[in-house]
Amino acid sequence: MNQNLTRIVAPFLLLFVCGCSSGNRLPTAAEQALQDSADFELLSLEPNAEKTEGNVFHGWNVLGATPIKDSEIRQKLISHFKAGVAENDGRVAACFAPRHGIKSTNDGKTYEFVICFECYQVQWYIDGQRSDGFLITDSPQPTFDEILKDENIPLAKKPRG
C-alpha cells in the first residue's frame, strides 16, 4: 500500500521541487514556435473526461476552437502566456484538468500546448511527440477566456471552490 502511494506522490514531489525544468521561462523552441507560427489556433477543452475518438486534442474533448489571425490578439495571447510562465514560482497541483489549448504551425512542424490553469501545468507537443512540460500561473486565463467568448466558443465549467 505504501509503495503505491509513493509511486503516485513521488513524481509530483519531484515536479514541484524541480519546477518542470523551464526555469520559469517559456522554453525557447516553444516561444519561437508561437512567435513565428503561420497558423495559430486557440482551443476550449472539456477537462472532465479524456476521450479517444471524435474531436479531441491530445485526449481531451474539444468544445470549440478559433483561428487567431489578428496579430494584435495573437501577441496579446503570447505575451500573457509568457508572463504566466514567468510568474510561476514552482507552484504546481497534483491534477491535470486542462480547459485550454493552443495549436500552431511553424516551419513545417506542429506545436500544441495543453494548458491547465487550475493546476499550473502545460503539456506541449512537437509533431505529436510530447516534450518536457512547464509551469504557468492562472493569470493568462481571463485573456484566453475573453478571446474564446468573443468568438462564441463555449467554455468548460469552472471548478467549484
Protein backbone atom coordinates (compact mmCIF):
# COMPACT_ATOMS: atom_id res chain seq x y z
CA MET A 1 0.00 0.00 0.00
CA ASN A 2 2.77 2.49 0.93
CA GLN A 3 4.68 1.63 -2.26
CA ASN A 4 1.65 2.51 -4.38
CA LEU A 5 1.27 5.83 -2.61
CA THR A 6 4.97 6.55 -3.09
CA ARG A 7 4.67 5.79 -6.82
CA ILE A 8 1.85 8.30 -7.09
CA VAL A 9 3.24 11.07 -4.88
CA ALA A 10 6.94 10.92 -5.82
CA PRO A 11 6.58 12.21 -9.41
CA PHE A 12 4.53 15.19 -8.24
CA LEU A 13 7.01 15.95 -5.49
CA LEU A 14 9.85 15.84 -8.00
CA LEU A 15 7.88 18.09 -10.34
CA PHE A 16 7.30 20.56 -7.51
CA VAL A 17 10.94 20.63 -6.41
CA CYS A 18 12.36 20.83 -9.95
CA GLY A 19 9.83 23.30 -11.26
CA CYS A 20 9.41 21.35 -14.52
CA SER A 21 12.84 22.39 -15.78
CA SER A 22 11.67 25.51 -17.61
CA GLY A 23 13.47 27.85 -15.20
CA ASN A 24 10.28 29.95 -15.04
CA ARG A 25 10.70 30.76 -18.69
CA LEU A 26 8.86 29.55 -21.74
CA PRO A 27 11.13 27.03 -23.49
CA THR A 28 12.94 28.70 -26.38
CA ALA A 29 11.54 26.33 -29.01
CA ALA A 30 8.00 26.92 -27.71
CA GLU A 31 8.39 30.70 -27.75
CA GLN A 32 9.87 30.62 -31.27
CA ALA A 33 7.02 28.41 -32.49
CA LEU A 34 4.39 30.74 -31.09
CA GLN A 35 6.03 33.95 -32.32
CA ASP A 36 6.70 32.68 -35.85
CA SER A 37 3.65 30.48 -36.40
CA ALA A 38 1.97 30.51 -39.78
CA ASP A 39 -1.27 29.27 -38.21
CA PHE A 40 -2.37 29.85 -34.64
CA GLU A 41 -5.50 28.36 -33.08
CA LEU A 42 -6.94 28.76 -29.58
CA LEU A 43 -8.98 25.84 -28.23
CA SER A 44 -11.52 25.37 -25.45
CA LEU A 45 -11.25 21.92 -23.84
CA GLU A 46 -13.50 19.81 -21.63
CA PRO A 47 -11.41 18.80 -18.60
CA ASN A 48 -13.71 16.25 -17.00
CA ALA A 49 -13.04 13.17 -19.12
CA GLU A 50 -10.39 12.01 -21.51
CA LYS A 51 -11.68 10.97 -24.92
CA THR A 52 -10.20 8.71 -27.55
CA GLU A 53 -12.41 9.48 -30.54
CA GLY A 54 -14.28 12.40 -32.07
CA ASN A 55 -12.98 15.96 -31.88
CA VAL A 56 -10.09 15.54 -29.42
CA PHE A 57 -6.86 17.33 -28.63
CA HIS A 58 -4.28 15.03 -27.05
CA GLY A 59 -7.05 13.04 -25.41
CA TRP A 60 -9.25 15.95 -24.33
CA ASN A 61 -12.64 16.73 -25.85
CA VAL A 62 -12.61 19.98 -27.87
CA LEU A 63 -15.55 22.25 -27.07
CA GLY A 64 -14.55 24.67 -29.81
CA ALA A 65 -11.62 26.39 -31.46
CA THR A 66 -10.89 29.62 -33.23
CA PRO A 67 -8.05 30.64 -35.52
CA ILE A 68 -6.20 33.72 -34.29
CA LYS A 69 -5.41 35.73 -37.41
CA ASP A 70 -5.26 39.22 -35.89
CA SER A 71 -1.61 39.89 -34.99
CA GLU A 72 -2.51 42.13 -32.02
CA ILE A 73 -4.72 39.45 -30.46
CA ARG A 74 -2.05 36.82 -31.12
CA GLN A 75 0.63 38.98 -29.46
CA LYS A 76 -1.68 39.60 -26.51
CA LEU A 77 -2.17 35.83 -26.05
CA ILE A 78 1.54 35.11 -26.38
CA SER A 79 2.62 37.89 -24.01
CA HIS A 80 0.09 36.83 -21.36
CA PHE A 81 1.12 33.19 -21.81
CA LYS A 82 4.82 34.08 -21.39
CA ALA A 83 4.05 36.26 -18.37
CA GLY A 84 2.07 33.44 -16.74
CA VAL A 85 5.06 31.14 -17.15
CA ALA A 86 7.50 33.72 -15.77
CA GLU A 87 5.25 34.37 -12.75
CA ASN A 88 5.21 30.75 -11.60
CA ASP A 89 7.39 30.28 -8.53
CA GLY A 90 7.39 26.49 -8.65
CA ARG A 91 3.77 26.07 -7.60
CA VAL A 92 2.02 23.06 -9.09
CA ALA A 93 -1.04 21.00 -8.17
CA ALA A 94 -1.33 17.24 -8.43
CA CYS A 95 -4.11 17.30 -11.00
CA PHE A 96 -4.45 17.91 -14.70
CA ALA A 97 -7.80 19.25 -15.89
CA PRO A 98 -6.99 21.33 -19.00
CA ARG A 99 -9.54 23.82 -20.28
CA HIS A 100 -7.40 25.49 -22.95
CA GLY A 101 -5.11 24.61 -25.80
CA ILE A 102 -3.00 26.29 -28.45
CA LYS A 103 -2.11 24.77 -31.78
CA SER A 104 0.42 26.45 -34.04
CA THR A 105 2.42 25.53 -37.09
CA ASN A 106 5.86 26.86 -37.85
CA ASP A 107 8.45 25.79 -40.38
CA GLY A 108 6.57 22.61 -41.28
CA LYS A 109 6.11 21.49 -37.66
CA THR A 110 3.03 21.46 -35.45
CA TYR A 111 3.31 22.72 -31.88
CA GLU A 112 0.49 22.01 -29.45
CA PHE A 113 0.03 23.19 -25.88
CA VAL A 114 -2.46 21.60 -23.47
CA ILE A 115 -2.97 24.12 -20.67
CA CYS A 116 -4.35 23.62 -17.17
CA PHE A 117 -4.52 26.99 -15.43
CA GLU A 118 -6.16 25.29 -12.43
CA CYS A 119 -3.09 23.20 -11.58
CA TYR A 120 -0.49 25.46 -13.21
CA GLN A 121 0.76 22.99 -15.79
CA VAL A 122 1.34 22.97 -19.54
CA GLN A 123 1.99 19.86 -21.58
CA TRP A 124 3.35 20.55 -25.04
CA TYR A 125 3.98 18.55 -28.15
CA ILE A 126 6.06 18.90 -31.30
CA ASP A 127 4.59 16.95 -34.21
CA GLY A 128 2.62 14.81 -31.77
CA GLN A 129 5.64 13.94 -29.58
CA ARG A 130 5.38 15.12 -26.00
CA SER A 131 8.15 17.45 -24.80
CA ASP A 132 9.07 18.39 -21.24
CA GLY A 133 6.19 20.26 -19.69
CA PHE A 134 6.45 23.56 -17.87
CA LEU A 135 4.61 25.53 -15.21
CA ILE A 136 2.34 28.54 -15.52
CA THR A 137 0.07 30.61 -13.26
CA ASP A 138 -3.62 31.24 -13.84
CA SER A 139 -3.08 34.91 -14.74
CA PRO A 140 -3.49 34.39 -18.53
CA GLN A 141 -6.82 32.57 -18.17
CA PRO A 142 -9.10 35.66 -18.29
CA THR A 143 -7.47 36.75 -21.57
CA PHE A 144 -7.85 33.27 -23.08
CA ASP A 145 -11.49 33.08 -21.90
CA GLU A 146 -12.29 36.55 -23.24
CA ILE A 147 -10.99 35.73 -26.71
CA LEU A 148 -12.90 32.44 -26.81
CA LYS A 149 -16.11 34.12 -25.60
CA ASP A 150 -15.73 36.88 -28.21
CA GLU A 151 -15.76 34.13 -30.85
CA ASN A 152 -18.79 32.40 -29.23
CA ILE A 153 -16.72 29.37 -28.29
CA PRO A 154 -18.15 27.56 -25.25
CA LEU A 155 -16.01 27.32 -22.12
CA ALA A 156 -15.84 24.38 -19.73
CA LYS A 157 -17.47 24.94 -16.38
CA LYS A 158 -15.13 26.29 -13.73
CA PRO A 159 -14.31 24.06 -10.78
CA ARG A 160 -16.16 24.71 -7.55
CA GLY A 161 -14.30 26.35 -4.73
